[in-house]
């Protein structure tokens, strides 16, 4: 079983979708991995990609995407709607 590279939470599920394997950890971190990798190699790859000195900037990219969603996307439009009841 693989554990979360950030908090050590255990893996709770894994599933394959469109040629990729997704690991779901108890902390809800859900990375995509190559389905041909062994658990040892998956563990090493997760640590390399997400926590090592060559980390990919995963969380920075996710924060940027969330910021765009909230400020300019559907989320931003929903948050800026006028929700006053004009029928009264």
PDB file of N, CA and C in Angstrom:
ATOM      1  N   UNK A   1       0.847  -1.175   0.000  1.00  0.00           N
ATOM      2  CA  UNK A   1       0.000   0.000   0.000  1.00  0.00           C
ATOM      3  C   UNK A   1       0.892   1.238   0.000  1.00  0.00           C
ATOM      4  N   UNK A   2       0.495   2.241  -0.760  1.00  0.00           N
ATOM      5  CA  UNK A   2       1.216   3.500  -0.878  1.00  0.00           C
ATOM      6  C   UNK A   2       0.625   4.486   0.129  1.00  0.00           C
ATOM      7  N   UNK A   3       1.449   5.388   0.636  1.00  0.00           N
ATOM      8  CA  UNK A   3       0.968   6.422   1.552  1.00  0.00           C
ATOM      9  C   UNK A   3       1.163   7.801   0.929  1.00  0.00           C
ATOM     10  N   UNK A   4       0.395   8.761   1.389  1.00  0.00           N
ATOM     11  CA  UNK A   4       0.470  10.131   0.889  1.00  0.00           C
ATOM     12  C   UNK A   4       1.871  10.687   1.138  1.00  0.00           C
ATOM     13  N   UNK A   5       2.487  11.286   0.119  1.00  0.00           N
ATOM     14  CA  UNK A   5       3.833  11.826   0.306  1.00  0.00           C
ATOM     15  C   UNK A   5       3.873  13.066   1.191  1.00  0.00           C
ATOM     16  N   UNK A   6       2.731  13.669   1.455  1.00  0.00           N
ATOM     17  CA  UNK A   6       2.677  14.882   2.266  1.00  0.00           C
ATOM     18  C   UNK A   6       2.415  14.586   3.735  1.00  0.00           C
ATOM     19  N   UNK A   7       1.382  13.797   3.991  1.00  0.00           N
ATOM     20  CA  UNK A   7       0.964  13.604   5.387  1.00  0.00           C
ATOM     21  C   UNK A   7       1.059  12.159   5.862  1.00  0.00           C
ATOM     22  N   UNK A   8       1.356  11.216   4.961  1.00  0.00           N
ATOM     23  CA  UNK A   8       1.467   9.817   5.344  1.00  0.00           C
ATOM     24  C   UNK A   8       0.144   9.085   5.452  1.00  0.00           C
ATOM     25  N   UNK A   9      -0.959   9.725   5.040  1.00  0.00           N
ATOM     26  CA  UNK A   9      -2.276   9.078   5.089  1.00  0.00           C
ATOM     27  C   UNK A   9      -2.285   7.838   4.198  1.00  0.00           C
ATOM     28  N   UNK A  10      -2.988   6.799   4.611  1.00  0.00           N
ATOM     29  CA  UNK A  10      -3.024   5.575   3.797  1.00  0.00           C
ATOM     30  C   UNK A  10      -3.865   5.740   2.533  1.00  0.00           C
ATOM     31  N   UNK A  11      -3.542   4.927   1.566  1.00  0.00           N
ATOM     32  CA  UNK A  11      -4.324   4.863   0.332  1.00  0.00           C
ATOM     33  C   UNK A  11      -5.653   4.200   0.659  1.00  0.00           C
ATOM     34  N   UNK A  12      -6.747   4.771   0.184  1.00  0.00           N
ATOM     35  CA  UNK A  12      -8.058   4.203   0.467  1.00  0.00           C
ATOM     36  C   UNK A  12      -8.714   3.591  -0.768  1.00  0.00           C
ATOM     37  N   UNK A  13      -8.237   3.978  -1.960  1.00  0.00           N
ATOM     38  CA  UNK A  13      -8.836   3.448  -3.184  1.00  0.00           C
ATOM     39  C   UNK A  13      -7.869   3.686  -4.335  1.00  0.00           C
ATOM     40  N   UNK A  14      -8.038   2.921  -5.393  1.00  0.00           N
ATOM     41  CA  UNK A  14      -7.329   3.186  -6.649  1.00  0.00           C
ATOM     42  C   UNK A  14      -8.233   2.718  -7.766  1.00  0.00           C
ATOM     43  N   UNK A  15      -8.216   3.471  -8.852  1.00  0.00           N
ATOM     44  CA  UNK A  15      -9.034   3.097 -10.001  1.00  0.00           C
ATOM     45  C   UNK A  15      -8.335   3.534 -11.280  1.00  0.00           C
ATOM     46  N   UNK A  16      -8.641   2.823 -12.359  1.00  0.00           N
ATOM     47  CA  UNK A  16      -8.085   3.132 -13.671  1.00  0.00           C
ATOM     48  C   UNK A  16      -9.135   3.833 -14.505  1.00  0.00           C
ATOM     49  N   UNK A  17      -8.690   4.883 -15.201  1.00  0.00           N
ATOM     50  CA  UNK A  17      -9.602   5.651 -16.041  1.00  0.00           C
ATOM     51  C   UNK A  17      -8.809   6.213 -17.219  1.00  0.00           C
ATOM     52  N   UNK A  18      -9.227   5.867 -18.420  1.00  0.00           N
ATOM     53  CA  UNK A  18      -8.619   6.374 -19.643  1.00  0.00           C
ATOM     54  C   UNK A  18      -7.099   6.204 -19.662  1.00  0.00           C
ATOM     55  N   UNK A  19      -6.633   5.021 -19.288  1.00  0.00           N
ATOM     56  CA  UNK A  19      -5.222   4.707 -19.371  1.00  0.00           C
ATOM     57  C   UNK A  19      -4.355   5.217 -18.234  1.00  0.00           C
ATOM     58  N   UNK A  20      -4.948   5.815 -17.234  1.00  0.00           N
ATOM     59  CA  UNK A  20      -4.209   6.312 -16.067  1.00  0.00           C
ATOM     60  C   UNK A  20      -4.769   5.648 -14.820  1.00  0.00           C
ATOM     61  N   UNK A  21      -3.946   5.522 -13.810  1.00  0.00           N
ATOM     62  CA  UNK A  21      -4.388   4.991 -12.518  1.00  0.00           C
ATOM     63  C   UNK A  21      -4.419   6.157 -11.537  1.00  0.00           C
ATOM     64  N   UNK A  22      -5.485   6.233 -10.772  1.00  0.00           N
ATOM     65  CA  UNK A  22      -5.641   7.283  -9.767  1.00  0.00           C
ATOM     66  C   UNK A  22      -5.610   6.642  -8.391  1.00  0.00           C
ATOM     67  N   UNK A  23      -4.811   7.206  -7.523  1.00  0.00           N
ATOM     68  CA  UNK A  23      -4.731   6.750  -6.137  1.00  0.00           C
ATOM     69  C   UNK A  23      -5.477   7.763  -5.281  1.00  0.00           C
ATOM     70  N   UNK A  24      -6.319   7.274  -4.410  1.00  0.00           N
ATOM     71  CA  UNK A  24      -7.068   8.155  -3.509  1.00  0.00           C
ATOM     72  C   UNK A  24      -6.561   7.892  -2.101  1.00  0.00           C
ATOM     73  N   UNK A  25      -6.090   8.942  -1.460  1.00  0.00           N
ATOM     74  CA  UNK A  25      -5.603   8.819  -0.094  1.00  0.00           C
ATOM     75  C   UNK A  25      -6.655   9.320   0.876  1.00  0.00           C
ATOM     76  N   UNK A  26      -6.554   8.903   2.109  1.00  0.00           N
ATOM     77  CA  UNK A  26      -7.523   9.282   3.142  1.00  0.00           C
ATOM     78  C   UNK A  26      -7.633  10.802   3.275  1.00  0.00           C
ATOM     79  N   UNK A  27      -6.550  11.517   2.983  1.00  0.00           N
ATOM     80  CA  UNK A  27      -6.544  12.985   3.079  1.00  0.00           C
ATOM     81  C   UNK A  27      -7.161  13.643   1.845  1.00  0.00           C
ATOM     82  N   UNK A  28      -7.598  12.838   0.881  1.00  0.00           N
ATOM     83  CA  UNK A  28      -8.246  13.252  -0.370  1.00  0.00           C
ATOM     84  C   UNK A  28      -7.268  13.673  -1.464  1.00  0.00           C
ATOM     85  N   UNK A  29      -5.967  13.580  -1.245  1.00  0.00           N
ATOM     86  CA  UNK A  29      -5.000  13.800  -2.315  1.00  0.00           C
ATOM     87  C   UNK A  29      -5.176  12.656  -3.308  1.00  0.00           C
ATOM     88  N   UNK A  30      -5.327  12.967  -4.603  1.00  0.00           N
ATOM     89  CA  UNK A  30      -5.632  11.959  -5.614  1.00  0.00           C
ATOM     90  C   UNK A  30      -4.742  12.145  -6.841  1.00  0.00           C
ATOM     91  N   UNK A  31      -3.508  11.661  -6.782  1.00  0.00           N
ATOM     92  CA  UNK A  31      -2.620  11.813  -7.934  1.00  0.00           C
ATOM     93  C   UNK A  31      -2.886  10.768  -9.012  1.00  0.00           C
ATOM     94  N   UNK A  32      -2.490  11.101 -10.220  1.00  0.00           N
ATOM     95  CA  UNK A  32      -2.565  10.198 -11.356  1.00  0.00           C
ATOM     96  C   UNK A  32      -1.188   9.574 -11.553  1.00  0.00           C
ATOM     97  N   UNK A  33      -1.143   8.259 -11.766  1.00  0.00           N
ATOM     98  CA  UNK A  33       0.124   7.568 -11.960  1.00  0.00           C
ATOM     99  C   UNK A  33       0.018   6.609 -13.141  1.00  0.00           C
ATOM    100  N   UNK A  34       1.168   6.155 -13.607  1.00  0.00           N
ATOM    101  CA  UNK A  34       1.239   5.160 -14.672  1.00  0.00           C
ATOM    102  C   UNK A  34       0.757   3.821 -14.102  1.00  0.00           C
ATOM    103  N   UNK A  35      -0.223   3.172 -14.734  1.00  0.00           N
ATOM    104  CA  UNK A  35      -0.760   1.918 -14.186  1.00  0.00           C
ATOM    105  C   UNK A  35       0.216   0.747 -14.220  1.00  0.00           C
ATOM    106  N   UNK A  36       1.329   0.875 -14.922  1.00  0.00           N
ATOM    107  CA  UNK A  36       2.295  -0.230 -14.994  1.00  0.00           C
ATOM    108  C   UNK A  36       3.322  -0.188 -13.871  1.00  0.00           C
ATOM    109  N   UNK A  37       3.337   0.868 -13.071  1.00  0.00           N
ATOM    110  CA  UNK A  37       4.329   0.998 -12.010  1.00  0.00           C
ATOM    111  C   UNK A  37       3.992   0.134 -10.799  1.00  0.00           C
ATOM    112  N   UNK A  38       5.026  -0.394 -10.160  1.00  0.00           N
ATOM    113  CA  UNK A  38       4.841  -1.140  -8.909  1.00  0.00           C
ATOM    114  C   UNK A  38       4.596  -0.138  -7.773  1.00  0.00           C
ATOM    115  N   UNK A  39       4.097  -0.633  -6.644  1.00  0.00           N
ATOM    116  CA  UNK A  39       3.852   0.249  -5.506  1.00  0.00           C
ATOM    117  C   UNK A  39       5.123   0.951  -5.045  1.00  0.00           C
ATOM    118  N   UNK A  40       6.257   0.245  -5.065  1.00  0.00           N
ATOM    119  CA  UNK A  40       7.519   0.868  -4.661  1.00  0.00           C
ATOM    120  C   UNK A  40       7.889   2.013  -5.598  1.00  0.00           C
ATOM    121  N   UNK A  41       7.706   1.796  -6.879  1.00  0.00           N
ATOM    122  CA  UNK A  41       8.042   2.840  -7.859  1.00  0.00           C
ATOM    123  C   UNK A  41       7.046   3.994  -7.779  1.00  0.00           C
ATOM    124  N   UNK A  42       5.770   3.684  -7.536  1.00  0.00           N
ATOM    125  CA  UNK A  42       4.763   4.744  -7.362  1.00  0.00           C
ATOM    126  C   UNK A  42       5.147   5.619  -6.178  1.00  0.00           C
ATOM    127  N   UNK A  43       5.496   4.992  -5.072  1.00  0.00           N
ATOM    128  CA  UNK A  43       5.871   5.738  -3.870  1.00  0.00           C
ATOM    129  C   UNK A  43       7.058   6.656  -4.161  1.00  0.00           C
ATOM    130  N   UNK A  44       8.062   6.135  -4.829  1.00  0.00           N
ATOM    131  CA  UNK A  44       9.247   6.938  -5.158  1.00  0.00           C
ATOM    132  C   UNK A  44       8.891   8.079  -6.103  1.00  0.00           C
ATOM    133  N   UNK A  45       8.061   7.800  -7.110  1.00  0.00           N
ATOM    134  CA  UNK A  45       7.685   8.838  -8.073  1.00  0.00           C
ATOM    135  C   UNK A  45       6.891   9.955  -7.407  1.00  0.00           C
ATOM    136  N   UNK A  46       5.954   9.593  -6.521  1.00  0.00           N
ATOM    137  CA  UNK A  46       5.168  10.623  -5.827  1.00  0.00           C
ATOM    138  C   UNK A  46       6.061  11.520  -4.988  1.00  0.00           C
ATOM    139  N   UNK A  47       7.006  10.928  -4.307  1.00  0.00           N
ATOM    140  CA  UNK A  47       7.920  11.728  -3.480  1.00  0.00           C
ATOM    141  C   UNK A  47       8.807  12.616  -4.345  1.00  0.00           C
ATOM    142  N   UNK A  48       9.262  12.097  -5.474  1.00  0.00           N
ATOM    143  CA  UNK A  48      10.083  12.893  -6.392  1.00  0.00           C
ATOM    144  C   UNK A  48       9.291  14.055  -6.979  1.00  0.00           C
ATOM    145  N   UNK A  49       8.094  13.752  -7.469  1.00  0.00           N
ATOM    146  CA  UNK A  49       7.311  14.755  -8.190  1.00  0.00           C
ATOM    147  C   UNK A  49       6.692  15.814  -7.291  1.00  0.00           C
ATOM    148  N   UNK A  50       6.248  15.417  -6.113  1.00  0.00           N
ATOM    149  CA  UNK A  50       5.491  16.357  -5.294  1.00  0.00           C
ATOM    150  C   UNK A  50       6.244  16.949  -4.117  1.00  0.00           C
ATOM    151  N   UNK A  51       7.314  16.295  -3.645  1.00  0.00           N
ATOM    152  CA  UNK A  51       7.970  16.824  -2.445  1.00  0.00           C
ATOM    153  C   UNK A  51       9.469  17.022  -2.589  1.00  0.00           C
ATOM    154  N   UNK A  52      10.083  16.499  -3.622  1.00  0.00           N
ATOM    155  CA  UNK A  52      11.527  16.593  -3.772  1.00  0.00           C
ATOM    156  C   UNK A  52      11.975  17.954  -4.276  1.00  0.00           C
ATOM    157  N   UNK A  53      13.296  18.116  -4.414  1.00  0.00           N
ATOM    158  CA  UNK A  53      13.831  19.390  -4.900  1.00  0.00           C
ATOM    159  C   UNK A  53      13.423  19.699  -6.339  1.00  0.00           C
ATOM    160  N   UNK A  54      13.025  18.687  -7.079  1.00  0.00           N
ATOM    161  CA  UNK A  54      12.565  18.894  -8.454  1.00  0.00           C
ATOM    162  C   UNK A  54      11.042  18.869  -8.545  1.00  0.00           C
ATOM    163  N   UNK A  55      10.371  19.195  -7.446  1.00  0.00           N
ATOM    164  CA  UNK A  55       8.904  19.151  -7.392  1.00  0.00           C
ATOM    165  C   UNK A  55       8.308  19.952  -8.548  1.00  0.00           C
ATOM    166  N   UNK A  56       7.203  19.470  -9.050  1.00  0.00           N
ATOM    167  CA  UNK A  56       6.598  20.025 -10.260  1.00  0.00           C
ATOM    168  C   UNK A  56       5.803  21.303 -10.046  1.00  0.00           C
ATOM    169  N   UNK A  57       5.625  21.739  -8.841  1.00  0.00           N
ATOM    170  CA  UNK A  57       4.789  22.914  -8.615  1.00  0.00           C
ATOM    171  C   UNK A  57       3.310  22.587  -8.669  1.00  0.00           C
ATOM    172  N   UNK A  58       2.970  21.345  -8.376  1.00  0.00           N
ATOM    173  CA  UNK A  58       1.584  20.876  -8.450  1.00  0.00           C
ATOM    174  C   UNK A  58       0.626  21.801  -7.701  1.00  0.00           C
ATOM    175  N   UNK A  59       0.934  22.114  -6.472  1.00  0.00           N
ATOM    176  CA  UNK A  59      -0.002  22.906  -5.675  1.00  0.00           C
ATOM    177  C   UNK A  59      -0.056  24.351  -6.144  1.00  0.00           C
ATOM    178  N   UNK A  60       1.038  24.867  -6.657  1.00  0.00           N
ATOM    179  CA  UNK A  60       1.017  26.221  -7.207  1.00  0.00           C
ATOM    180  C   UNK A  60       0.085  26.274  -8.408  1.00  0.00           C
ATOM    181  N   UNK A  61       0.190  25.272  -9.283  1.00  0.00           N
ATOM    182  CA  UNK A  61      -0.701  25.235 -10.452  1.00  0.00           C
ATOM    183  C   UNK A  61      -2.151  25.087 -10.027  1.00  0.00           C
ATOM    184  N   UNK A  62      -2.415  24.257  -9.012  1.00  0.00           N
ATOM    185  CA  UNK A  62      -3.788  24.075  -8.550  1.00  0.00           C
ATOM    186  C   UNK A  62      -4.331  25.369  -7.955  1.00  0.00           C
ATOM    187  N   UNK A  63      -3.504  26.083  -7.202  1.00  0.00           N
ATOM    188  CA  UNK A  63      -3.932  27.368  -6.632  1.00  0.00           C
ATOM    189  C   UNK A  63      -4.241  28.369  -7.746  1.00  0.00           C
ATOM    190  N   UNK A  64      -3.390  28.392  -8.777  1.00  0.00           N
ATOM    191  CA  UNK A  64      -3.630  29.297  -9.897  1.00  0.00           C
ATOM    192  C   UNK A  64      -4.933  28.967 -10.600  1.00  0.00           C
ATOM    193  N   UNK A  65      -5.201  27.679 -10.813  1.00  0.00           N
ATOM    194  CA  UNK A  65      -6.445  27.271 -11.471  1.00  0.00           C
ATOM    195  C   UNK A  65      -7.659  27.640 -10.626  1.00  0.00           C
ATOM    196  N   UNK A  66      -7.569  27.411  -9.332  1.00  0.00           N
ATOM    197  CA  UNK A  66      -8.674  27.763  -8.438  1.00  0.00           C
ATOM    198  C   UNK A  66      -8.906  29.272  -8.442  1.00  0.00           C
ATOM    199  N   UNK A  67      -7.831  30.045  -8.419  1.00  0.00           N
ATOM    200  CA  UNK A  67      -7.958  31.499  -8.441  1.00  0.00           C
ATOM    201  C   UNK A  67      -8.668  31.965  -9.709  1.00  0.00           C
ATOM    202  N   UNK A  68      -8.291  31.415 -10.861  1.00  0.00           N
ATOM    203  CA  UNK A  68      -8.959  31.778 -12.112  1.00  0.00           C
ATOM    204  C   UNK A  68     -10.427  31.385 -12.098  1.00  0.00           C
ATOM    205  N   UNK A  69     -10.726  30.214 -11.559  1.00  0.00           N
ATOM    206  CA  UNK A  69     -12.119  29.751 -11.488  1.00  0.00           C
ATOM    207  C   UNK A  69     -12.960  30.710 -10.649  1.00  0.00           C
ATOM    208  N   UNK A  70     -12.421  31.110  -9.512  1.00  0.00           N
ATOM    209  CA  UNK A  70     -13.182  31.955  -8.584  1.00  0.00           C
ATOM    210  C   UNK A  70     -13.275  33.392  -9.073  1.00  0.00           C
ATOM    211  N   UNK A  71     -12.252  33.878  -9.761  1.00  0.00           N
ATOM    212  CA  UNK A  71     -12.274  35.283 -10.171  1.00  0.00           C
ATOM    213  C   UNK A  71     -12.830  35.510 -11.564  1.00  0.00           C
ATOM    214  N   UNK A  72     -12.635  34.561 -12.474  1.00  0.00           N
ATOM    215  CA  UNK A  72     -13.029  34.796 -13.852  1.00  0.00           C
ATOM    216  C   UNK A  72     -13.949  33.734 -14.437  1.00  0.00           C
ATOM    217  N   UNK A  73     -14.073  32.607 -13.787  1.00  0.00           N
ATOM    218  CA  UNK A  73     -14.865  31.518 -14.345  1.00  0.00           C
ATOM    219  C   UNK A  73     -16.261  31.450 -13.757  1.00  0.00           C
ATOM    220  N   UNK A  74     -16.825  30.265 -13.822  1.00  0.00           N
ATOM    221  CA  UNK A  74     -18.176  30.024 -13.310  1.00  0.00           C
ATOM    222  C   UNK A  74     -18.275  30.393 -11.831  1.00  0.00           C
ATOM    223  N   UNK A  75     -17.245  30.062 -11.081  1.00  0.00           N
ATOM    224  CA  UNK A  75     -17.251  30.383  -9.648  1.00  0.00           C
ATOM    225  C   UNK A  75     -17.338  31.868  -9.402  1.00  0.00           C
ATOM    226  N   UNK A  76     -16.599  32.649 -10.168  1.00  0.00           N
ATOM    227  CA  UNK A  76     -16.623  34.100 -10.019  1.00  0.00           C
ATOM    228  C   UNK A  76     -17.982  34.677 -10.369  1.00  0.00           C
ATOM    229  N   UNK A  77     -18.597  34.156 -11.425  1.00  0.00           N
ATOM    230  CA  UNK A  77     -19.928  34.650 -11.804  1.00  0.00           C
ATOM    231  C   UNK A  77     -20.959  34.309 -10.734  1.00  0.00           C
ATOM    232  N   UNK A  78     -20.853  33.124 -10.166  1.00  0.00           N
ATOM    233  CA  UNK A  78     -21.808  32.733  -9.119  1.00  0.00           C
ATOM    234  C   UNK A  78     -21.618  33.585  -7.870  1.00  0.00           C
ATOM    235  N   UNK A  79     -20.377  33.904  -7.554  1.00  0.00           N
ATOM    236  CA  UNK A  79     -20.115  34.709  -6.356  1.00  0.00           C
ATOM    237  C   UNK A  79     -20.503  36.172  -6.536  1.00  0.00           C
ATOM    238  N   UNK A  80     -20.517  36.658  -7.763  1.00  0.00           N
ATOM    239  CA  UNK A  80     -20.810  38.071  -7.985  1.00  0.00           C
ATOM    240  C   UNK A  80     -22.258  38.336  -8.403  1.00  0.00           C
ATOM    241  N   UNK A  81     -23.072  37.297  -8.465  1.00  0.00           N
ATOM    242  CA  UNK A  81     -24.487  37.473  -8.821  1.00  0.00           C
ATOM    243  C   UNK A  81     -25.192  38.354  -7.809  1.00  0.00           C
ATOM    244  N   UNK A  82     -26.123  39.120  -8.292  1.00  0.00           N
ATOM    245  CA  UNK A  82     -26.979  39.896  -7.403  1.00  0.00           C
ATOM    246  C   UNK A  82     -28.055  38.942  -6.889  1.00  0.00           C
ATOM    247  N   UNK A  83     -28.023  38.635  -5.621  1.00  0.00           N
ATOM    248  CA  UNK A  83     -28.956  37.645  -5.075  1.00  0.00           C
ATOM    249  C   UNK A  83     -30.095  38.288  -4.276  1.00  0.00           C
ATOM    250  N   UNK A  84     -30.299  39.560  -4.444  1.00  0.00           N
ATOM    251  CA  UNK A  84     -31.390  40.206  -3.714  1.00  0.00           C
ATOM    252  C   UNK A  84     -32.728  39.811  -4.329  1.00  0.00           C
ATOM    253  N   UNK A  85     -33.697  39.675  -3.514  1.00  0.00           N
ATOM    254  CA  UNK A  85     -35.036  39.307  -3.973  1.00  0.00           C
ATOM    255  C   UNK A  85     -35.741  40.567  -4.446  1.00  0.00           C
ATOM    256  N   UNK A  86     -36.010  40.657  -5.710  1.00  0.00           N
ATOM    257  CA  UNK A  86     -36.615  41.863  -6.279  1.00  0.00           C
ATOM    258  C   UNK A  86     -38.138  41.738  -6.413  1.00  0.00           C
ATOM    259  N   UNK A  87     -38.684  40.652  -5.936  1.00  0.00           N
ATOM    260  CA  UNK A  87     -40.125  40.463  -6.079  1.00  0.00           C
ATOM    261  C   UNK A  87     -40.914  41.143  -4.976  1.00  0.00           C
ATOM    262  N   UNK A  88     -40.245  41.630  -3.958  1.00  0.00           N
ATOM    263  CA  UNK A  88     -40.951  42.231  -2.815  1.00  0.00           C
ATOM    264  C   UNK A  88     -41.263  43.665  -3.029  1.00  0.00           C
TER     265      UNK A  88
END
